[in-house]
Every structure is written in structure tokens, then in C-alpha cells.
């Protein structure tokens, strides 16, 4: 009984060394020099691993392969989650930019061509009085549509605080991109 346990232990140790050499891609063992009086059959038995060793190596390689696959699957899941998160962030930024462009377009549309033509023909002091009471977005849109010479004359006639507020509004609108996202 003790001899069988020793034989199994020896086979497992041999299998462990044999498998680790295979998994580490070590160079194959050099054949041992023949011992005087050694038969070819004895050499072949020493070179060929026992069935227990082969079974152990197969079990270990299957377990190692499963662990490697599980690790790779986990990494892929993490990368997929990162991609989903980044895509959501980009979509939020795109929506934010689209909203800014939509606001700009809506403001510009408020300033109808006909209305712009009316203000373009007014005296600067009379137009400034109208712009002082007008909604800030509407006034900024009108100033953007007027010729620069006419807009500057109107701003010159306005109260300084109102002129600064409208100038900031116009400057903020003119820095938005003109195209790029659906219009």
C-alpha cells in the first residue's frame, strides 16, 4: 500500500515538472544517454509519460485555459462598459452643443428680415430707445442682422449697461460654430 502511494506521489511530482516545462515552453529535454545494456523498450517507457501524468496535464491545462478565458472575458466586459460610458458622455456633449445651436438659430429667426429692414431705416437714437425696452435675445438677434455700421450707431445711443449686455450676448452667439451638427 505504501509503495502504491509513493508511486502515485512520484507520478504526480513527475507530472508537475513535466507540465510546468510544457506550459513554460521550455526546451524539450535532451534524451538521456543510453545506459549499457539498456533495451530500446526500456528507453521508450522512460521517455513516454505515464497515463496518470498525461491525465494530470490534461486536467491542469483545461483548468488553466478556463481561467484564462474567464480573465479575458472579464477584461472584455470592463472594456465594453467603458465604451458604453464614454459613448453616453459623448452623446450628452453632442446634445448640449445641439441645444446651443438650436437656441442660436431660434434667436436669429426671431429677427425677421422685414423687421430688420425697419430698424435699419430708423434713426439710431429712436432704434436705441426701442432696443432698450426689447427682450435681450431679440435685441441681440436684431443687432446681429443689422449692418455693423448701423448696429454700432444704435449701441452708441444706448445706456452703457444695456449696450454692454447686448454686446456680450452678440459676442456669445457669434462664437458658436456655424455648422457641424445637424441643422
C-alpha atoms as a PDB file:
ATOM      1  CA  UNK A   1       0.000   0.000   0.000  1.00  0.00           C
ATOM      2  CA  UNK A   2       2.793   2.402   0.934  1.00  0.00           C
ATOM      3  CA  UNK A   3       4.556   1.576  -2.295  1.00  0.00           C
ATOM      4  CA  UNK A   4       1.444   2.487  -4.315  1.00  0.00           C
ATOM      5  CA  UNK A   5       1.107   5.842  -2.511  1.00  0.00           C
ATOM      6  CA  UNK A   6       4.783   6.544  -3.167  1.00  0.00           C
ATOM      7  CA  UNK A   7       4.372   5.597  -6.818  1.00  0.00           C
ATOM      8  CA  UNK A   8       1.380   7.922  -7.194  1.00  0.00           C
ATOM      9  CA  UNK A   9       3.221  10.770  -5.446  1.00  0.00           C
ATOM     10  CA  UNK A  10       6.207  10.223  -7.697  1.00  0.00           C
ATOM     11  CA  UNK A  11       3.944  10.240 -10.753  1.00  0.00           C
ATOM     12  CA  UNK A  12       2.284  13.485  -9.613  1.00  0.00           C
ATOM     13  CA  UNK A  13       5.643  15.151  -8.992  1.00  0.00           C
ATOM     14  CA  UNK A  14       6.850  13.990 -12.381  1.00  0.00           C
ATOM     15  CA  UNK A  15       3.634  15.271 -13.920  1.00  0.00           C
ATOM     16  CA  UNK A  16       4.005  18.607 -12.197  1.00  0.00           C
ATOM     17  CA  UNK A  17       7.516  19.024 -13.524  1.00  0.00           C
ATOM     18  CA  UNK A  18       6.566  17.719 -16.919  1.00  0.00           C
ATOM     19  CA  UNK A  19       3.531  20.002 -17.214  1.00  0.00           C
ATOM     20  CA  UNK A  20       5.339  23.077 -15.953  1.00  0.00           C
ATOM     21  CA  UNK A  21       8.058  22.542 -18.543  1.00  0.00           C
ATOM     22  CA  UNK A  22       5.368  22.288 -21.252  1.00  0.00           C
ATOM     23  CA  UNK A  23       3.403  25.307 -20.070  1.00  0.00           C
ATOM     24  CA  UNK A  24       6.543  27.417 -19.715  1.00  0.00           C
ATOM     25  CA  UNK A  25       7.512  26.459 -23.279  1.00  0.00           C
ATOM     26  CA  UNK A  26      10.844  25.179 -22.052  1.00  0.00           C
ATOM     27  CA  UNK A  27      13.196  23.472 -24.391  1.00  0.00           C
ATOM     28  CA  UNK A  28      12.485  19.775 -24.733  1.00  0.00           C
ATOM     29  CA  UNK A  29      14.545  17.513 -22.567  1.00  0.00           C
ATOM     30  CA  UNK A  30      17.574  16.026 -24.205  1.00  0.00           C
ATOM     31  CA  UNK A  31      17.405  12.285 -24.372  1.00  0.00           C
ATOM     32  CA  UNK A  32      19.408  10.595 -21.693  1.00  0.00           C
ATOM     33  CA  UNK A  33      22.466   8.758 -22.931  1.00  0.00           C
ATOM     34  CA  UNK A  34      21.802   5.076 -23.221  1.00  0.00           C
ATOM     35  CA  UNK A  35      22.893   3.013 -20.318  1.00  0.00           C
ATOM     36  CA  UNK A  36      24.948  -0.060 -21.138  1.00  0.00           C
ATOM     37  CA  UNK A  37      22.622  -2.977 -21.519  1.00  0.00           C
ATOM     38  CA  UNK A  38      19.539  -0.740 -21.824  1.00  0.00           C
ATOM     39  CA  UNK A  39      16.956  -2.021 -24.240  1.00  0.00           C
ATOM     40  CA  UNK A  40      15.019   0.151 -26.675  1.00  0.00           C
ATOM     41  CA  UNK A  41      11.782  -0.778 -24.923  1.00  0.00           C
ATOM     42  CA  UNK A  42      13.116   0.433 -21.551  1.00  0.00           C
ATOM     43  CA  UNK A  43      14.211   3.730 -23.073  1.00  0.00           C
ATOM     44  CA  UNK A  44      10.785   4.200 -24.689  1.00  0.00           C
ATOM     45  CA  UNK A  45       8.995   3.532 -21.399  1.00  0.00           C
ATOM     46  CA  UNK A  46      11.139   6.134 -19.624  1.00  0.00           C
ATOM     47  CA  UNK A  47      10.546   8.728 -22.382  1.00  0.00           C
ATOM     48  CA  UNK A  48       6.795   8.189 -22.635  1.00  0.00           C
ATOM     49  CA  UNK A  49       4.793   9.755 -19.791  1.00  0.00           C
ATOM     50  CA  UNK A  50       2.536   7.501 -17.828  1.00  0.00           C
ATOM     51  CA  UNK A  51      -1.256   7.720 -18.291  1.00  0.00           C
ATOM     52  CA  UNK A  52      -1.597   9.407 -14.878  1.00  0.00           C
ATOM     53  CA  UNK A  53       0.860  12.096 -15.923  1.00  0.00           C
ATOM     54  CA  UNK A  54      -0.997  12.667 -19.187  1.00  0.00           C
ATOM     55  CA  UNK A  55      -4.359  12.833 -17.398  1.00  0.00           C
ATOM     56  CA  UNK A  56      -2.954  15.305 -14.822  1.00  0.00           C
ATOM     57  CA  UNK A  57      -1.520  17.531 -17.546  1.00  0.00           C
ATOM     58  CA  UNK A  58      -4.821  17.465 -19.421  1.00  0.00           C
ATOM     59  CA  UNK A  59      -6.736  18.428 -16.259  1.00  0.00           C
ATOM     60  CA  UNK A  60      -4.324  21.239 -15.440  1.00  0.00           C
ATOM     61  CA  UNK A  61      -4.318  22.617 -18.982  1.00  0.00           C
ATOM     62  CA  UNK A  62      -8.131  22.596 -19.114  1.00  0.00           C
ATOM     63  CA  UNK A  63      -8.322  24.450 -15.802  1.00  0.00           C
ATOM     64  CA  UNK A  64      -5.670  26.962 -16.879  1.00  0.00           C
ATOM     65  CA  UNK A  65      -7.474  27.528 -20.187  1.00  0.00           C
ATOM     66  CA  UNK A  66     -10.770  28.091 -18.414  1.00  0.00           C
ATOM     67  CA  UNK A  67      -9.134  30.575 -16.014  1.00  0.00           C
ATOM     68  CA  UNK A  68      -7.503  32.419 -18.923  1.00  0.00           C
ATOM     69  CA  UNK A  69     -10.827  32.575 -20.777  1.00  0.00           C
ATOM     70  CA  UNK A  70     -12.603  33.865 -17.667  1.00  0.00           C
ATOM     71  CA  UNK A  71      -9.970  36.585 -17.194  1.00  0.00           C
ATOM     72  CA  UNK A  72     -10.186  37.650 -20.828  1.00  0.00           C
ATOM     73  CA  UNK A  73     -13.995  37.695 -20.674  1.00  0.00           C
ATOM     74  CA  UNK A  74     -13.862  39.902 -17.578  1.00  0.00           C
ATOM     75  CA  UNK A  75     -11.466  42.319 -19.318  1.00  0.00           C
ATOM     76  CA  UNK A  76     -13.741  42.443 -22.361  1.00  0.00           C
ATOM     77  CA  UNK A  77     -16.761  43.192 -20.167  1.00  0.00           C
ATOM     78  CA  UNK A  78     -14.859  46.036 -18.471  1.00  0.00           C
ATOM     79  CA  UNK A  79     -13.846  47.468 -21.840  1.00  0.00           C
ATOM     80  CA  UNK A  80     -17.419  47.210 -23.082  1.00  0.00           C
ATOM     81  CA  UNK A  81     -18.670  49.093 -20.019  1.00  0.00           C
ATOM     82  CA  UNK A  82     -16.020  51.770 -20.603  1.00  0.00           C
ATOM     83  CA  UNK A  83     -17.133  52.147 -24.220  1.00  0.00           C
ATOM     84  CA  UNK A  84     -20.785  52.419 -23.197  1.00  0.00           C
ATOM     85  CA  UNK A  85     -19.926  55.042 -20.560  1.00  0.00           C
ATOM     86  CA  UNK A  86     -17.794  57.097 -22.965  1.00  0.00           C
ATOM     87  CA  UNK A  87     -20.455  56.873 -25.670  1.00  0.00           C
ATOM     88  CA  UNK A  88     -23.041  58.213 -23.233  1.00  0.00           C
ATOM     89  CA  UNK A  89     -20.720  61.100 -22.287  1.00  0.00           C
ATOM     90  CA  UNK A  90     -20.169  61.971 -25.940  1.00  0.00           C
ATOM     91  CA  UNK A  91     -23.886  61.797 -26.639  1.00  0.00           C
ATOM     92  CA  UNK A  92     -24.552  64.183 -23.736  1.00  0.00           C
ATOM     93  CA  UNK A  93     -21.965  66.640 -25.101  1.00  0.00           C
ATOM     94  CA  UNK A  94     -23.463  66.380 -28.573  1.00  0.00           C
ATOM     95  CA  UNK A  95     -26.934  67.071 -27.212  1.00  0.00           C
ATOM     96  CA  UNK A  96     -25.604  70.058 -25.247  1.00  0.00           C
ATOM     97  CA  UNK A  97     -23.974  71.501 -28.351  1.00  0.00           C
ATOM     98  CA  UNK A  98     -27.082  70.858 -30.436  1.00  0.00           C
ATOM     99  CA  UNK A  99     -29.191  72.698 -27.855  1.00  0.00           C
ATOM    100  CA  UNK A 100     -26.861  75.711 -28.022  1.00  0.00           C
ATOM    101  CA  UNK A 101     -27.037  75.724 -31.809  1.00  0.00           C
ATOM    102  CA  UNK A 102     -30.830  75.428 -31.715  1.00  0.00           C
ATOM    103  CA  UNK A 103     -31.041  78.386 -29.299  1.00  0.00           C
ATOM    104  CA  UNK A 104     -28.857  80.453 -31.606  1.00  0.00           C
ATOM    105  CA  UNK A 105     -30.922  79.579 -34.667  1.00  0.00           C
ATOM    106  CA  UNK A 106     -34.164  80.327 -32.861  1.00  0.00           C
ATOM    107  CA  UNK A 107     -32.834  83.724 -31.825  1.00  0.00           C
ATOM    108  CA  UNK A 108     -31.702  84.568 -35.316  1.00  0.00           C
ATOM    109  CA  UNK A 109     -35.063  83.514 -36.732  1.00  0.00           C
ATOM    110  CA  UNK A 110     -36.802  85.875 -34.341  1.00  0.00           C
ATOM    111  CA  UNK A 111     -35.230  88.738 -36.187  1.00  0.00           C
ATOM    112  CA  UNK A 112     -37.325  88.594 -39.297  1.00  0.00           C
ATOM    113  CA  UNK A 113     -35.841  90.128 -42.438  1.00  0.00           C
ATOM    114  CA  UNK A 114     -38.666  92.610 -42.680  1.00  0.00           C
ATOM    115  CA  UNK A 115     -38.293  93.726 -39.091  1.00  0.00           C
ATOM    116  CA  UNK A 116     -34.550  94.111 -39.592  1.00  0.00           C
ATOM    117  CA  UNK A 117     -35.206  96.319 -42.597  1.00  0.00           C
ATOM    118  CA  UNK A 118     -37.482  98.546 -40.495  1.00  0.00           C
ATOM    119  CA  UNK A 119     -34.845  99.021 -37.772  1.00  0.00           C
ATOM    120  CA  UNK A 120     -32.158  99.578 -40.401  1.00  0.00           C
ATOM    121  CA  UNK A 121     -34.095 102.609 -41.697  1.00  0.00           C
ATOM    122  CA  UNK A 122     -34.730 104.144 -38.238  1.00  0.00           C
ATOM    123  CA  UNK A 123     -32.612 106.865 -36.723  1.00  0.00           C
ATOM    124  CA  UNK A 124     -30.043 105.400 -34.269  1.00  0.00           C
ATOM    125  CA  UNK A 125     -31.488 107.269 -31.236  1.00  0.00           C
ATOM    126  CA  UNK A 126     -35.044 106.052 -31.972  1.00  0.00           C
ATOM    127  CA  UNK A 127     -33.862 102.476 -32.566  1.00  0.00           C
ATOM    128  CA  UNK A 128     -31.814 102.616 -29.328  1.00  0.00           C
ATOM    129  CA  UNK A 129     -34.960 103.550 -27.392  1.00  0.00           C
ATOM    130  CA  UNK A 130     -36.769 100.576 -28.932  1.00  0.00           C
ATOM    131  CA  UNK A 131     -33.876  98.212 -28.208  1.00  0.00           C
ATOM    132  CA  UNK A 132     -33.723  99.383 -24.588  1.00  0.00           C
ATOM    133  CA  UNK A 133     -37.237  98.027 -23.966  1.00  0.00           C
ATOM    134  CA  UNK A 134     -36.904  94.948 -26.176  1.00  0.00           C
ATOM    135  CA  UNK A 135     -36.217  91.398 -24.933  1.00  0.00           C
ATOM    136  CA  UNK A 136     -32.423  90.881 -24.682  1.00  0.00           C
ATOM    137  CA  UNK A 137     -32.357  87.879 -27.013  1.00  0.00           C
ATOM    138  CA  UNK A 138     -34.489  89.632 -29.590  1.00  0.00           C
ATOM    139  CA  UNK A 139     -32.374  92.785 -29.411  1.00  0.00           C
ATOM    140  CA  UNK A 140     -29.147  90.773 -29.786  1.00  0.00           C
ATOM    141  CA  UNK A 141     -30.580  88.911 -32.767  1.00  0.00           C
ATOM    142  CA  UNK A 142     -31.580  92.197 -34.399  1.00  0.00           C
ATOM    143  CA  UNK A 143     -28.142  93.712 -33.812  1.00  0.00           C
ATOM    144  CA  UNK A 144     -26.539  90.668 -35.412  1.00  0.00           C
ATOM    145  CA  UNK A 145     -28.673  91.013 -38.516  1.00  0.00           C
ATOM    146  CA  UNK A 146     -28.126  94.738 -38.960  1.00  0.00           C
ATOM    147  CA  UNK A 147     -25.105  96.088 -40.790  1.00  0.00           C
ATOM    148  CA  UNK A 148     -22.179  96.728 -38.396  1.00  0.00           C
ATOM    149  CA  UNK A 149     -22.277 100.488 -39.067  1.00  0.00           C
ATOM    150  CA  UNK A 150     -25.977 100.681 -38.121  1.00  0.00           C
ATOM    151  CA  UNK A 151     -25.539  98.378 -35.080  1.00  0.00           C
ATOM    152  CA  UNK A 152     -22.673 100.467 -33.724  1.00  0.00           C
ATOM    153  CA  UNK A 153     -24.672 103.673 -34.134  1.00  0.00           C
ATOM    154  CA  UNK A 154     -27.602 102.166 -32.200  1.00  0.00           C
ATOM    155  CA  UNK A 155     -25.317 100.817 -29.425  1.00  0.00           C
ATOM    156  CA  UNK A 156     -23.682 104.249 -29.213  1.00  0.00           C
ATOM    157  CA  UNK A 157     -27.061 105.816 -28.399  1.00  0.00           C
ATOM    158  CA  UNK A 158     -27.990 103.214 -25.725  1.00  0.00           C
ATOM    159  CA  UNK A 159     -27.381 103.289 -21.996  1.00  0.00           C
ATOM    160  CA  UNK A 160     -23.903 101.801 -21.371  1.00  0.00           C
ATOM    161  CA  UNK A 161     -25.044  98.862 -19.198  1.00  0.00           C
ATOM    162  CA  UNK A 162     -27.661  97.746 -21.726  1.00  0.00           C
ATOM    163  CA  UNK A 163     -25.196  98.165 -24.617  1.00  0.00           C
ATOM    164  CA  UNK A 164     -22.619  96.024 -22.793  1.00  0.00           C
ATOM    165  CA  UNK A 165     -25.193  93.307 -22.049  1.00  0.00           C
ATOM    166  CA  UNK A 166     -26.299  93.202 -25.685  1.00  0.00           C
ATOM    167  CA  UNK A 167     -22.697  93.204 -26.915  1.00  0.00           C
ATOM    168  CA  UNK A 168     -21.889  90.231 -24.669  1.00  0.00           C
ATOM    169  CA  UNK A 169     -24.946  88.425 -25.934  1.00  0.00           C
ATOM    170  CA  UNK A 170     -23.991  89.059 -29.573  1.00  0.00           C
ATOM    171  CA  UNK A 171     -20.377  88.046 -28.897  1.00  0.00           C
ATOM    172  CA  UNK A 172     -21.530  84.827 -27.231  1.00  0.00           C
ATOM    173  CA  UNK A 173     -23.697  83.989 -30.206  1.00  0.00           C
ATOM    174  CA  UNK A 174     -21.013  84.693 -32.762  1.00  0.00           C
ATOM    175  CA  UNK A 175     -18.548  82.247 -31.113  1.00  0.00           C
ATOM    176  CA  UNK A 176     -20.857  79.250 -31.609  1.00  0.00           C
ATOM    177  CA  UNK A 177     -19.925  77.018 -34.535  1.00  0.00           C
ATOM    178  CA  UNK A 178     -21.854  77.781 -37.685  1.00  0.00           C
ATOM    179  CA  UNK A 179     -22.152  74.139 -38.765  1.00  0.00           C
ATOM    180  CA  UNK A 180     -21.082  70.654 -37.885  1.00  0.00           C
ATOM    181  CA  UNK A 181     -24.140  69.267 -36.142  1.00  0.00           C
ATOM    182  CA  UNK A 182     -27.425  68.768 -37.924  1.00  0.00           C
ATOM    183  CA  UNK A 183     -29.209  71.979 -38.630  1.00  0.00           C
END
